[in-house]
């Protein structure tokens, strides 16, 4: 029985460690689900910001994306600790219909909200353990999908919008706008480099057979969209760009980024689901090994009982009594002799 003590200790350690990792993977998957819904809201907010510079945009796409995040936060907000920040962001989004003033003021109102959304992205990553993921491929994927790409969607939108503002700006306002445009271009360049590095690192460390094809296809389209936007935005410095050129370039870049973000986060969730399956199988194996150890330990106690039950019971050495008619037959006379038959017949 002494062998059961170390076995039980090892089982407890294995069970607790595996259970903690399973809980962490579950939180990460919750974070991925939240990040997908929040990423779509970030995209439609960036598009609405660009539209608001020229007209009163329809907020129906924004309202639909808000409802989607609302539903996710209702289920996961308590676990991820996001409800307070999301409630603040939602209130400011709902107040967008009353924003008035110059195009610069409208731009600043939308930019304040996208800043809140980026802060919420960061909170989701931290509270869902995504930013502490222990594996190389999944860590770099979450960096790309839940940090770099949301920032790039916002950054490229601002790059296009600042170029748009600079094209039609008064001479007194133009230097300041061009300065912000160049600063935003530098930030976007840095994010593009970080995104590329993270995706490449994930590809280098993954064991997935399908990850490379999906990521490389999305990354190529993303780079093409950003490069086209750069060409048009750079033209704003010499008044060579127009709003008509900026709009399609911005839309193409942002759509490519959003699709890449969905691809990255979906692949991340697939890898996390596979890891959860591996951890579940490991926990099942631990239970099986414990049961086997119990059975092996019980053999010395159960074997004597089995042997005793299988052993035949001892026979009593008793003489069976003779039949009664045999007792009445005189010695030496056959019970079926003719004399005995006649005597029986006479009686």
C-alpha atoms as a PDB file:
ATOM      1  CA  UNK A   1       0.000   0.000   0.000  1.00  0.00           C
ATOM      2  CA  UNK A   2       2.943   2.362   0.510  1.00  0.00           C
ATOM      3  CA  UNK A   3       3.303   2.704  -3.264  1.00  0.00           C
ATOM      4  CA  UNK A   4      -0.060   4.467  -3.390  1.00  0.00           C
ATOM      5  CA  UNK A   5       1.262   7.457  -1.437  1.00  0.00           C
ATOM      6  CA  UNK A   6       3.744   8.704  -4.088  1.00  0.00           C
ATOM      7  CA  UNK A   7       1.309   7.724  -6.848  1.00  0.00           C
ATOM      8  CA  UNK A   8      -1.447   9.791  -5.241  1.00  0.00           C
ATOM      9  CA  UNK A   9       0.905  12.760  -4.815  1.00  0.00           C
ATOM     10  CA  UNK A  10       2.017  12.592  -8.446  1.00  0.00           C
ATOM     11  CA  UNK A  11      -1.581  12.262  -9.598  1.00  0.00           C
ATOM     12  CA  UNK A  12      -2.647  15.288  -7.555  1.00  0.00           C
ATOM     13  CA  UNK A  13       0.175  17.404  -8.938  1.00  0.00           C
ATOM     14  CA  UNK A  14      -0.553  16.325 -12.502  1.00  0.00           C
ATOM     15  CA  UNK A  15      -4.306  16.870 -12.128  1.00  0.00           C
ATOM     16  CA  UNK A  16      -3.963  20.326 -10.569  1.00  0.00           C
ATOM     17  CA  UNK A  17      -1.328  21.476 -13.061  1.00  0.00           C
ATOM     18  CA  UNK A  18      -3.306  20.250 -16.050  1.00  0.00           C
ATOM     19  CA  UNK A  19      -6.543  21.732 -14.715  1.00  0.00           C
ATOM     20  CA  UNK A  20      -4.891  25.140 -14.277  1.00  0.00           C
ATOM     21  CA  UNK A  21      -3.560  25.045 -17.837  1.00  0.00           C
ATOM     22  CA  UNK A  22      -6.996  24.034 -19.127  1.00  0.00           C
ATOM     23  CA  UNK A  23      -8.575  26.987 -17.321  1.00  0.00           C
ATOM     24  CA  UNK A  24      -5.952  29.305 -18.796  1.00  0.00           C
ATOM     25  CA  UNK A  25      -6.575  27.987 -22.304  1.00  0.00           C
ATOM     26  CA  UNK A  26     -10.300  28.474 -21.752  1.00  0.00           C
ATOM     27  CA  UNK A  27      -9.731  32.117 -20.793  1.00  0.00           C
ATOM     28  CA  UNK A  28      -7.550  32.601 -23.858  1.00  0.00           C
ATOM     29  CA  UNK A  29     -10.282  31.254 -26.102  1.00  0.00           C
ATOM     30  CA  UNK A  30     -12.751  33.616 -24.433  1.00  0.00           C
ATOM     31  CA  UNK A  31     -10.314  36.435 -25.165  1.00  0.00           C
ATOM     32  CA  UNK A  32     -10.089  35.425 -28.816  1.00  0.00           C
ATOM     33  CA  UNK A  33     -13.879  35.429 -29.127  1.00  0.00           C
ATOM     34  CA  UNK A  34     -14.029  38.894 -27.575  1.00  0.00           C
ATOM     35  CA  UNK A  35     -11.165  40.162 -29.784  1.00  0.00           C
ATOM     36  CA  UNK A  36     -12.937  39.033 -32.978  1.00  0.00           C
ATOM     37  CA  UNK A  37     -16.112  40.949 -32.128  1.00  0.00           C
ATOM     38  CA  UNK A  38     -14.128  43.972 -30.928  1.00  0.00           C
ATOM     39  CA  UNK A  39     -11.980  43.920 -34.054  1.00  0.00           C
ATOM     40  CA  UNK A  40     -15.046  44.179 -36.281  1.00  0.00           C
ATOM     41  CA  UNK A  41     -16.277  47.153 -34.246  1.00  0.00           C
ATOM     42  CA  UNK A  42     -12.844  48.772 -34.579  1.00  0.00           C
ATOM     43  CA  UNK A  43     -13.016  48.383 -38.358  1.00  0.00           C
ATOM     44  CA  UNK A  44     -16.482  49.866 -38.780  1.00  0.00           C
ATOM     45  CA  UNK A  45     -15.589  52.728 -36.415  1.00  0.00           C
ATOM     46  CA  UNK A  46     -12.553  53.561 -38.569  1.00  0.00           C
ATOM     47  CA  UNK A  47     -14.748  53.549 -41.681  1.00  0.00           C
ATOM     48  CA  UNK A  48     -17.390  55.697 -39.982  1.00  0.00           C
ATOM     49  CA  UNK A  49     -14.690  58.183 -38.956  1.00  0.00           C
ATOM     50  CA  UNK A  50     -13.571  58.574 -42.562  1.00  0.00           C
ATOM     51  CA  UNK A  51     -17.151  58.998 -43.790  1.00  0.00           C
ATOM     52  CA  UNK A  52     -17.895  61.569 -41.078  1.00  0.00           C
ATOM     53  CA  UNK A  53     -15.292  63.946 -42.529  1.00  0.00           C
ATOM     54  CA  UNK A  54     -17.508  64.519 -45.564  1.00  0.00           C
ATOM     55  CA  UNK A  55     -21.051  63.716 -44.496  1.00  0.00           C
ATOM     56  CA  UNK A  56     -23.200  62.414 -41.674  1.00  0.00           C
ATOM     57  CA  UNK A  57     -22.446  58.689 -41.856  1.00  0.00           C
ATOM     58  CA  UNK A  58     -24.954  55.945 -41.255  1.00  0.00           C
ATOM     59  CA  UNK A  59     -24.261  54.451 -37.847  1.00  0.00           C
ATOM     60  CA  UNK A  60     -26.177  51.237 -38.590  1.00  0.00           C
ATOM     61  CA  UNK A  61     -22.975  49.180 -39.132  1.00  0.00           C
ATOM     62  CA  UNK A  62     -21.559  50.651 -35.922  1.00  0.00           C
ATOM     63  CA  UNK A  63     -24.745  49.847 -33.996  1.00  0.00           C
ATOM     64  CA  UNK A  64     -24.690  46.266 -35.273  1.00  0.00           C
ATOM     65  CA  UNK A  65     -21.063  45.824 -34.222  1.00  0.00           C
ATOM     66  CA  UNK A  66     -21.830  47.404 -30.840  1.00  0.00           C
ATOM     67  CA  UNK A  67     -24.640  44.898 -30.302  1.00  0.00           C
ATOM     68  CA  UNK A  68     -22.257  42.030 -31.099  1.00  0.00           C
ATOM     69  CA  UNK A  69     -19.675  43.240 -28.561  1.00  0.00           C
ATOM     70  CA  UNK A  70     -22.488  43.846 -26.073  1.00  0.00           C
ATOM     71  CA  UNK A  71     -23.521  40.209 -26.354  1.00  0.00           C
ATOM     72  CA  UNK A  72     -19.970  38.945 -25.897  1.00  0.00           C
ATOM     73  CA  UNK A  73     -19.358  41.231 -22.931  1.00  0.00           C
ATOM     74  CA  UNK A  74     -22.594  40.101 -21.289  1.00  0.00           C
ATOM     75  CA  UNK A  75     -21.270  36.528 -21.305  1.00  0.00           C
ATOM     76  CA  UNK A  76     -17.554  37.078 -20.788  1.00  0.00           C
ATOM     77  CA  UNK A  77     -17.165  40.564 -19.329  1.00  0.00           C
ATOM     78  CA  UNK A  78     -17.249  39.424 -15.698  1.00  0.00           C
ATOM     79  CA  UNK A  79     -14.577  36.794 -16.376  1.00  0.00           C
ATOM     80  CA  UNK A  80     -12.354  39.094 -18.425  1.00  0.00           C
ATOM     81  CA  UNK A  81     -12.936  42.227 -16.344  1.00  0.00           C
ATOM     82  CA  UNK A  82     -13.898  44.320 -19.383  1.00  0.00           C
ATOM     83  CA  UNK A  83     -17.410  45.490 -18.540  1.00  0.00           C
ATOM     84  CA  UNK A  84     -16.491  48.856 -16.984  1.00  0.00           C
ATOM     85  CA  UNK A  85     -14.275  49.936 -19.886  1.00  0.00           C
ATOM     86  CA  UNK A  86     -16.739  48.627 -22.471  1.00  0.00           C
ATOM     87  CA  UNK A  87     -19.643  50.471 -20.826  1.00  0.00           C
ATOM     88  CA  UNK A  88     -17.665  53.724 -21.052  1.00  0.00           C
ATOM     89  CA  UNK A  89     -16.748  53.139 -24.708  1.00  0.00           C
ATOM     90  CA  UNK A  90     -20.320  52.202 -25.646  1.00  0.00           C
ATOM     91  CA  UNK A  91     -21.697  55.384 -24.052  1.00  0.00           C
ATOM     92  CA  UNK A  92     -19.303  57.523 -26.079  1.00  0.00           C
ATOM     93  CA  UNK A  93     -20.173  55.641 -29.278  1.00  0.00           C
ATOM     94  CA  UNK A  94     -23.873  56.204 -28.664  1.00  0.00           C
ATOM     95  CA  UNK A  95     -23.190  59.938 -28.314  1.00  0.00           C
ATOM     96  CA  UNK A  96     -21.560  60.186 -31.744  1.00  0.00           C
ATOM     97  CA  UNK A  97     -24.823  61.207 -33.373  1.00  0.00           C
ATOM     98  CA  UNK A  98     -24.609  64.548 -31.616  1.00  0.00           C
ATOM     99  CA  UNK A  99     -21.038  65.390 -32.657  1.00  0.00           C
ATOM    100  CA  UNK A 100     -20.871  68.665 -34.598  1.00  0.00           C
ATOM    101  CA  UNK A 101     -18.272  71.230 -35.548  1.00  0.00           C
ATOM    102  CA  UNK A 102     -15.359  71.329 -37.941  1.00  0.00           C
ATOM    103  CA  UNK A 103     -13.996  68.278 -39.668  1.00  0.00           C
ATOM    104  CA  UNK A 104     -11.042  68.376 -37.321  1.00  0.00           C
ATOM    105  CA  UNK A 105     -13.365  68.316 -34.307  1.00  0.00           C
ATOM    106  CA  UNK A 106     -15.284  65.364 -35.770  1.00  0.00           C
ATOM    107  CA  UNK A 107     -12.001  63.552 -36.428  1.00  0.00           C
ATOM    108  CA  UNK A 108     -10.891  64.101 -32.820  1.00  0.00           C
ATOM    109  CA  UNK A 109     -14.208  62.794 -31.443  1.00  0.00           C
ATOM    110  CA  UNK A 110     -13.908  59.570 -33.413  1.00  0.00           C
ATOM    111  CA  UNK A 111     -10.200  59.234 -32.609  1.00  0.00           C
ATOM    112  CA  UNK A 112     -10.972  59.439 -28.877  1.00  0.00           C
ATOM    113  CA  UNK A 113     -13.319  56.466 -29.230  1.00  0.00           C
ATOM    114  CA  UNK A 114     -10.899  54.346 -31.261  1.00  0.00           C
ATOM    115  CA  UNK A 115      -8.307  55.047 -28.547  1.00  0.00           C
ATOM    116  CA  UNK A 116     -10.754  53.575 -26.031  1.00  0.00           C
ATOM    117  CA  UNK A 117     -11.276  50.540 -28.244  1.00  0.00           C
ATOM    118  CA  UNK A 118      -7.525  49.964 -28.536  1.00  0.00           C
ATOM    119  CA  UNK A 119      -7.235  50.170 -24.733  1.00  0.00           C
ATOM    120  CA  UNK A 120     -10.035  47.609 -24.494  1.00  0.00           C
ATOM    121  CA  UNK A 121      -8.159  45.323 -26.907  1.00  0.00           C
ATOM    122  CA  UNK A 122      -5.158  45.521 -24.580  1.00  0.00           C
ATOM    123  CA  UNK A 123      -7.282  44.773 -21.519  1.00  0.00           C
ATOM    124  CA  UNK A 124      -8.772  41.721 -23.218  1.00  0.00           C
ATOM    125  CA  UNK A 125      -5.292  40.407 -24.067  1.00  0.00           C
ATOM    126  CA  UNK A 126      -4.013  40.863 -20.526  1.00  0.00           C
ATOM    127  CA  UNK A 127      -7.041  39.586 -18.622  1.00  0.00           C
ATOM    128  CA  UNK A 128      -7.507  36.589 -20.922  1.00  0.00           C
ATOM    129  CA  UNK A 129      -3.859  35.481 -20.457  1.00  0.00           C
ATOM    130  CA  UNK A 130      -3.233  35.898 -24.189  1.00  0.00           C
ATOM    131  CA  UNK A 131      -0.266  38.186 -23.576  1.00  0.00           C
ATOM    132  CA  UNK A 132       1.258  35.473 -21.340  1.00  0.00           C
ATOM    133  CA  UNK A 133       0.729  32.522 -23.649  1.00  0.00           C
ATOM    134  CA  UNK A 134       3.579  30.029 -23.083  1.00  0.00           C
ATOM    135  CA  UNK A 135       3.984  28.718 -26.651  1.00  0.00           C
ATOM    136  CA  UNK A 136       5.848  30.557 -29.349  1.00  0.00           C
ATOM    137  CA  UNK A 137       3.432  30.139 -32.250  1.00  0.00           C
ATOM    138  CA  UNK A 138       0.302  31.108 -30.312  1.00  0.00           C
ATOM    139  CA  UNK A 139       2.056  33.965 -28.477  1.00  0.00           C
ATOM    140  CA  UNK A 140       3.128  35.596 -31.731  1.00  0.00           C
ATOM    141  CA  UNK A 141      -0.301  35.023 -33.267  1.00  0.00           C
ATOM    142  CA  UNK A 142      -2.052  36.815 -30.413  1.00  0.00           C
ATOM    143  CA  UNK A 143       0.433  39.668 -30.677  1.00  0.00           C
ATOM    144  CA  UNK A 144      -0.357  39.983 -34.381  1.00  0.00           C
ATOM    145  CA  UNK A 145      -4.130  39.476 -34.222  1.00  0.00           C
ATOM    146  CA  UNK A 146      -5.097  41.106 -30.932  1.00  0.00           C
ATOM    147  CA  UNK A 147      -2.528  43.925 -30.719  1.00  0.00           C
ATOM    148  CA  UNK A 148      -0.837  44.857 -34.012  1.00  0.00           C
ATOM    149  CA  UNK A 149      -3.754  44.507 -36.423  1.00  0.00           C
ATOM    150  CA  UNK A 150      -6.320  46.500 -34.378  1.00  0.00           C
ATOM    151  CA  UNK A 151      -3.728  49.265 -34.046  1.00  0.00           C
ATOM    152  CA  UNK A 152      -3.040  49.096 -37.791  1.00  0.00           C
ATOM    153  CA  UNK A 153      -6.731  49.335 -38.678  1.00  0.00           C
ATOM    154  CA  UNK A 154      -6.945  52.498 -36.583  1.00  0.00           C
ATOM    155  CA  UNK A 155      -3.553  53.792 -37.745  1.00  0.00           C
ATOM    156  CA  UNK A 156      -4.151  53.412 -41.473  1.00  0.00           C
ATOM    157  CA  UNK A 157      -7.583  54.977 -41.074  1.00  0.00           C
ATOM    158  CA  UNK A 158      -6.022  57.979 -39.362  1.00  0.00           C
ATOM    159  CA  UNK A 159      -3.274  58.140 -41.978  1.00  0.00           C
ATOM    160  CA  UNK A 160      -5.857  58.394 -44.754  1.00  0.00           C
ATOM    161  CA  UNK A 161      -8.042  60.829 -42.817  1.00  0.00           C
ATOM    162  CA  UNK A 162      -5.146  63.154 -41.959  1.00  0.00           C
ATOM    163  CA  UNK A 163      -4.109  63.119 -45.608  1.00  0.00           C
ATOM    164  CA  UNK A 164      -7.705  63.962 -46.508  1.00  0.00           C
ATOM    165  CA  UNK A 165      -7.758  66.850 -44.027  1.00  0.00           C
ATOM    166  CA  UNK A 166      -4.393  68.115 -45.262  1.00  0.00           C
ATOM    167  CA  UNK A 167      -5.527  68.215 -48.887  1.00  0.00           C
ATOM    168  CA  UNK A 168      -8.286  70.705 -48.208  1.00  0.00           C
ATOM    169  CA  UNK A 169      -6.755  72.492 -45.231  1.00  0.00           C
ATOM    170  CA  UNK A 170      -6.199  76.223 -44.970  1.00  0.00           C
ATOM    171  CA  UNK A 171      -2.564  77.280 -45.363  1.00  0.00           C
ATOM    172  CA  UNK A 172      -2.334  78.091 -41.647  1.00  0.00           C
ATOM    173  CA  UNK A 173      -3.526  74.608 -40.597  1.00  0.00           C
ATOM    174  CA  UNK A 174      -1.632  72.631 -43.188  1.00  0.00           C
ATOM    175  CA  UNK A 175       1.829  72.400 -41.508  1.00  0.00           C
ATOM    176  CA  UNK A 176       0.362  70.968 -38.301  1.00  0.00           C
ATOM    177  CA  UNK A 177      -1.690  68.389 -40.217  1.00  0.00           C
ATOM    178  CA  UNK A 178       1.296  67.344 -42.317  1.00  0.00           C
ATOM    179  CA  UNK A 179       3.343  66.918 -39.155  1.00  0.00           C
ATOM    180  CA  UNK A 180       0.676  64.637 -37.662  1.00  0.00           C
ATOM    181  CA  UNK A 181       0.489  62.798 -40.983  1.00  0.00           C
ATOM    182  CA  UNK A 182       4.219  62.055 -40.963  1.00  0.00           C
ATOM    183  CA  UNK A 183       4.121  60.978 -37.313  1.00  0.00           C
ATOM    184  CA  UNK A 184       1.224  58.622 -38.034  1.00  0.00           C
ATOM    185  CA  UNK A 185       3.071  57.220 -41.058  1.00  0.00           C
ATOM    186  CA  UNK A 186       6.038  56.435 -38.802  1.00  0.00           C
ATOM    187  CA  UNK A 187       3.784  54.667 -36.282  1.00  0.00           C
ATOM    188  CA  UNK A 188       2.122  52.639 -39.022  1.00  0.00           C
ATOM    189  CA  UNK A 189       5.521  51.660 -40.451  1.00  0.00           C
ATOM    190  CA  UNK A 190       6.579  50.385 -37.029  1.00  0.00           C
ATOM    191  CA  UNK A 191       3.371  48.386 -36.583  1.00  0.00           C
ATOM    192  CA  UNK A 192       3.716  46.846 -40.042  1.00  0.00           C
ATOM    193  CA  UNK A 193       7.253  45.731 -39.214  1.00  0.00           C
ATOM    194  CA  UNK A 194       6.146  44.284 -35.855  1.00  0.00           C
ATOM    195  CA  UNK A 195       3.219  42.482 -37.475  1.00  0.00           C
ATOM    196  CA  UNK A 196       5.454  40.927 -40.124  1.00  0.00           C
ATOM    197  CA  UNK A 197       7.978  39.822 -37.504  1.00  0.00           C
ATOM    198  CA  UNK A 198       5.295  38.246 -35.306  1.00  0.00           C
ATOM    199  CA  UNK A 199       3.702  36.345 -38.165  1.00  0.00           C
ATOM    200  CA  UNK A 200       7.069  35.093 -39.373  1.00  0.00           C
ATOM    201  CA  UNK A 201       8.024  33.994 -35.849  1.00  0.00           C
ATOM    202  CA  UNK A 202       4.719  32.149 -35.523  1.00  0.00           C
ATOM    203  CA  UNK A 203       5.317  30.345 -38.810  1.00  0.00           C
ATOM    204  CA  UNK A 204       8.840  29.409 -37.725  1.00  0.00           C
ATOM    205  CA  UNK A 205       7.635  27.846 -34.461  1.00  0.00           C
ATOM    206  CA  UNK A 206       4.304  26.268 -35.392  1.00  0.00           C
ATOM    207  CA  UNK A 207       3.596  22.616 -36.058  1.00  0.00           C
ATOM    208  CA  UNK A 208       0.396  23.418 -37.954  1.00  0.00           C
ATOM    209  CA  UNK A 209       0.238  22.214 -41.566  1.00  0.00           C
ATOM    210  CA  UNK A 210      -2.230  24.871 -42.737  1.00  0.00           C
ATOM    211  CA  UNK A 211      -1.092  27.990 -40.908  1.00  0.00           C
ATOM    212  CA  UNK A 212       1.568  29.095 -43.376  1.00  0.00           C
ATOM    213  CA  UNK A 213      -0.652  29.159 -46.470  1.00  0.00           C
ATOM    214  CA  UNK A 214      -3.447  31.136 -44.825  1.00  0.00           C
ATOM    215  CA  UNK A 215      -1.171  33.651 -43.135  1.00  0.00           C
ATOM    216  CA  UNK A 216       1.043  34.303 -46.138  1.00  0.00           C
ATOM    217  CA  UNK A 217      -1.944  34.850 -48.427  1.00  0.00           C
ATOM    218  CA  UNK A 218      -3.495  37.324 -46.014  1.00  0.00           C
ATOM    219  CA  UNK A 219      -0.196  39.057 -45.322  1.00  0.00           C
ATOM    220  CA  UNK A 220       0.501  39.601 -49.028  1.00  0.00           C
ATOM    221  CA  UNK A 221      -2.884  41.223 -49.564  1.00  0.00           C
ATOM    222  CA  UNK A 222      -2.386  43.334 -46.447  1.00  0.00           C
ATOM    223  CA  UNK A 223       0.990  44.624 -47.645  1.00  0.00           C
ATOM    224  CA  UNK A 224      -0.392  45.468 -51.078  1.00  0.00           C
ATOM    225  CA  UNK A 225      -3.234  47.452 -49.538  1.00  0.00           C
ATOM    226  CA  UNK A 226      -0.933  49.402 -47.219  1.00  0.00           C
ATOM    227  CA  UNK A 227       1.538  50.164 -50.015  1.00  0.00           C
ATOM    228  CA  UNK A 228      -1.261  51.602 -52.196  1.00  0.00           C
ATOM    229  CA  UNK A 229      -2.445  53.746 -49.301  1.00  0.00           C
ATOM    230  CA  UNK A 230       1.106  55.023 -48.733  1.00  0.00           C
ATOM    231  CA  UNK A 231       1.335  56.207 -52.332  1.00  0.00           C
ATOM    232  CA  UNK A 232      -1.908  58.155 -52.111  1.00  0.00           C
ATOM    233  CA  UNK A 233      -1.250  59.532 -48.599  1.00  0.00           C
ATOM    234  CA  UNK A 234       2.226  60.698 -49.572  1.00  0.00           C
ATOM    235  CA  UNK A 235       0.636  62.677 -52.394  1.00  0.00           C
ATOM    236  CA  UNK A 236      -1.182  64.767 -49.816  1.00  0.00           C
ATOM    237  CA  UNK A 237       2.087  66.525 -49.041  1.00  0.00           C
ATOM    238  CA  UNK A 238       2.177  67.989 -52.546  1.00  0.00           C
ATOM    239  CA  UNK A 239      -1.592  68.242 -53.110  1.00  0.00           C
ATOM    240  CA  UNK A 240      -1.336  65.417 -55.636  1.00  0.00           C
ATOM    241  CA  UNK A 241      -3.853  63.306 -53.722  1.00  0.00           C
ATOM    242  CA  UNK A 242      -7.591  63.798 -53.711  1.00  0.00           C
ATOM    243  CA  UNK A 243     -10.374  62.566 -51.477  1.00  0.00           C
ATOM    244  CA  UNK A 244     -11.648  60.428 -54.352  1.00  0.00           C
ATOM    245  CA  UNK A 245      -8.285  58.610 -54.455  1.00  0.00           C
ATOM    246  CA  UNK A 246      -7.960  58.249 -50.686  1.00  0.00           C
ATOM    247  CA  UNK A 247     -11.323  56.612 -50.065  1.00  0.00           C
ATOM    248  CA  UNK A 248     -10.835  53.409 -52.112  1.00  0.00           C
ATOM    249  CA  UNK A 249      -7.191  53.073 -51.044  1.00  0.00           C
ATOM    250  CA  UNK A 250      -8.182  53.392 -47.376  1.00  0.00           C
ATOM    251  CA  UNK A 251     -11.061  50.944 -47.739  1.00  0.00           C
ATOM    252  CA  UNK A 252      -8.922  48.340 -49.502  1.00  0.00           C
ATOM    253  CA  UNK A 253      -6.186  48.561 -46.856  1.00  0.00           C
ATOM    254  CA  UNK A 254      -8.587  48.341 -43.931  1.00  0.00           C
ATOM    255  CA  UNK A 255     -10.576  45.455 -45.384  1.00  0.00           C
ATOM    256  CA  UNK A 256      -7.364  43.506 -46.023  1.00  0.00           C
ATOM    257  CA  UNK A 257      -6.277  44.156 -42.440  1.00  0.00           C
ATOM    258  CA  UNK A 258      -9.644  43.073 -41.043  1.00  0.00           C
ATOM    259  CA  UNK A 259      -9.598  39.854 -43.066  1.00  0.00           C
ATOM    260  CA  UNK A 260      -6.048  39.114 -41.934  1.00  0.00           C
ATOM    261  CA  UNK A 261      -7.054  39.761 -38.324  1.00  0.00           C
ATOM    262  CA  UNK A 262      -9.969  37.329 -38.612  1.00  0.00           C
ATOM    263  CA  UNK A 263      -7.656  34.722 -40.177  1.00  0.00           C
ATOM    264  CA  UNK A 264      -5.022  35.151 -37.476  1.00  0.00           C
ATOM    265  CA  UNK A 265      -7.493  34.989 -34.584  1.00  0.00           C
ATOM    266  CA  UNK A 266      -9.331  32.011 -36.077  1.00  0.00           C
ATOM    267  CA  UNK A 267      -6.064  30.113 -36.485  1.00  0.00           C
ATOM    268  CA  UNK A 268      -5.106  31.082 -32.938  1.00  0.00           C
ATOM    269  CA  UNK A 269      -8.377  29.671 -31.624  1.00  0.00           C
ATOM    270  CA  UNK A 270      -7.791  26.447 -33.595  1.00  0.00           C
ATOM    271  CA  UNK A 271      -4.368  25.982 -31.992  1.00  0.00           C
ATOM    272  CA  UNK A 272      -5.790  26.715 -28.538  1.00  0.00           C
ATOM    273  CA  UNK A 273      -8.615  24.213 -29.076  1.00  0.00           C
ATOM    274  CA  UNK A 274      -6.086  21.558 -30.058  1.00  0.00           C
ATOM    275  CA  UNK A 275      -4.048  22.340 -26.954  1.00  0.00           C
ATOM    276  CA  UNK A 276      -7.155  21.977 -24.781  1.00  0.00           C
ATOM    277  CA  UNK A 277      -7.759  18.563 -26.356  1.00  0.00           C
ATOM    278  CA  UNK A 278      -4.183  17.496 -25.578  1.00  0.00           C
ATOM    279  CA  UNK A 279      -4.517  18.635 -21.961  1.00  0.00           C
ATOM    280  CA  UNK A 280      -7.836  16.814 -21.604  1.00  0.00           C
ATOM    281  CA  UNK A 281      -6.281  13.621 -22.940  1.00  0.00           C
ATOM    282  CA  UNK A 282      -3.363  14.020 -20.530  1.00  0.00           C
ATOM    283  CA  UNK A 283      -5.762  14.346 -17.612  1.00  0.00           C
ATOM    284  CA  UNK A 284      -7.663  11.248 -18.718  1.00  0.00           C
ATOM    285  CA  UNK A 285      -4.382   9.341 -18.915  1.00  0.00           C
ATOM    286  CA  UNK A 286      -3.552  10.397 -15.357  1.00  0.00           C
ATOM    287  CA  UNK A 287      -6.890   9.017 -14.143  1.00  0.00           C
ATOM    288  CA  UNK A 288      -6.321   5.720 -15.972  1.00  0.00           C
ATOM    289  CA  UNK A 289      -2.849   5.371 -14.477  1.00  0.00           C
ATOM    290  CA  UNK A 290      -4.216   6.020 -10.996  1.00  0.00           C
ATOM    291  CA  UNK A 291      -6.883   3.361 -11.435  1.00  0.00           C
ATOM    292  CA  UNK A 292      -4.267   0.871 -12.662  1.00  0.00           C
ATOM    293  CA  UNK A 293      -2.072   1.649  -9.662  1.00  0.00           C
ATOM    294  CA  UNK A 294      -5.005   1.003  -7.323  1.00  0.00           C
ATOM    295  CA  UNK A 295      -5.757  -2.288  -9.022  1.00  0.00           C
ATOM    296  CA  UNK A 296      -2.117  -3.401  -8.835  1.00  0.00           C
ATOM    297  CA  UNK A 297      -1.937  -2.455  -5.164  1.00  0.00           C
ATOM    298  CA  UNK A 298      -5.124  -4.410  -4.458  1.00  0.00           C
ATOM    299  CA  UNK A 299      -3.848  -7.652  -6.040  1.00  0.00           C
ATOM    300  CA  UNK A 300      -1.985  -8.970  -2.924  1.00  0.00           C
ATOM    301  CA  UNK A 301      -5.146  -8.552  -0.859  1.00  0.00           C
ATOM    302  CA  UNK A 302      -7.628  -9.840  -3.398  1.00  0.00           C
ATOM    303  CA  UNK A 303      -5.639 -12.867  -4.588  1.00  0.00           C
ATOM    304  CA  UNK A 304      -6.021 -14.991  -1.371  1.00  0.00           C
ATOM    305  CA  UNK A 305      -9.771 -14.400  -1.400  1.00  0.00           C
ATOM    306  CA  UNK A 306     -10.024 -15.508  -5.005  1.00  0.00           C
ATOM    307  CA  UNK A 307      -7.908 -18.591  -4.381  1.00  0.00           C
ATOM    308  CA  UNK A 308      -9.955 -19.619  -1.338  1.00  0.00           C
ATOM    309  CA  UNK A 309     -13.207 -19.321  -3.227  1.00  0.00           C
ATOM    310  CA  UNK A 310     -11.901 -21.390  -6.117  1.00  0.00           C
ATOM    311  CA  UNK A 311     -10.610 -24.274  -3.868  1.00  0.00           C
ATOM    312  CA  UNK A 312     -13.087 -27.303  -3.684  1.00  0.00           C
ATOM    313  CA  UNK A 313     -14.700 -28.059  -0.296  1.00  0.00           C
ATOM    314  CA  UNK A 314     -13.355 -31.264   1.574  1.00  0.00           C
ATOM    315  CA  UNK A 315     -15.477 -34.478   1.309  1.00  0.00           C
ATOM    316  CA  UNK A 316     -16.756 -36.250   4.520  1.00  0.00           C
ATOM    317  CA  UNK A 317     -15.728 -39.960   4.804  1.00  0.00           C
ATOM    318  CA  UNK A 318     -19.177 -41.354   5.635  1.00  0.00           C
ATOM    319  CA  UNK A 319     -20.663 -44.810   4.845  1.00  0.00           C
ATOM    320  CA  UNK A 320     -23.936 -44.576   3.034  1.00  0.00           C
ATOM    321  CA  UNK A 321     -26.732 -46.751   4.689  1.00  0.00           C
ATOM    322  CA  UNK A 322     -27.933 -49.767   2.766  1.00  0.00           C
ATOM    323  CA  UNK A 323     -31.455 -49.867   1.389  1.00  0.00           C
ATOM    324  CA  UNK A 324     -34.037 -51.251   3.836  1.00  0.00           C
ATOM    325  CA  UNK A 325     -34.845 -54.336   1.818  1.00  0.00           C
ATOM    326  CA  UNK A 326     -31.182 -55.206   1.778  1.00  0.00           C
ATOM    327  CA  UNK A 327     -31.138 -55.179   5.605  1.00  0.00           C
ATOM    328  CA  UNK A 328     -34.054 -57.772   5.696  1.00  0.00           C
ATOM    329  CA  UNK A 329     -32.362 -60.198   3.324  1.00  0.00           C
ATOM    330  CA  UNK A 330     -30.622 -63.093   5.082  1.00  0.00           C
ATOM    331  CA  UNK A 331     -26.982 -63.293   4.528  1.00  0.00           C
ATOM    332  CA  UNK A 332     -26.029 -65.320   1.506  1.00  0.00           C
ATOM    333  CA  UNK A 333     -29.505 -65.230  -0.029  1.00  0.00           C
ATOM    334  CA  UNK A 334     -30.205 -63.267  -3.128  1.00  0.00           C
ATOM    335  CA  UNK A 335     -33.165 -60.944  -2.805  1.00  0.00           C
ATOM    336  CA  UNK A 336     -34.472 -62.168  -6.149  1.00  0.00           C
ATOM    337  CA  UNK A 337     -34.168 -65.863  -5.381  1.00  0.00           C
ATOM    338  CA  UNK A 338     -37.203 -68.093  -6.257  1.00  0.00           C
ATOM    339  CA  UNK A 339     -37.925 -68.816  -2.587  1.00  0.00           C
ATOM    340  CA  UNK A 340     -38.064 -65.129  -1.773  1.00  0.00           C
ATOM    341  CA  UNK A 341     -40.352 -64.431  -4.693  1.00  0.00           C
ATOM    342  CA  UNK A 342     -42.771 -67.232  -3.640  1.00  0.00           C
ATOM    343  CA  UNK A 343     -42.828 -66.057  -0.034  1.00  0.00           C
ATOM    344  CA  UNK A 344     -43.604 -62.595  -1.141  1.00  0.00           C
ATOM    345  CA  UNK A 345     -46.363 -63.832  -3.390  1.00  0.00           C
ATOM    346  CA  UNK A 346     -47.953 -65.925  -0.530  1.00  0.00           C
ATOM    347  CA  UNK A 347     -48.055 -62.875   1.740  1.00  0.00           C
END
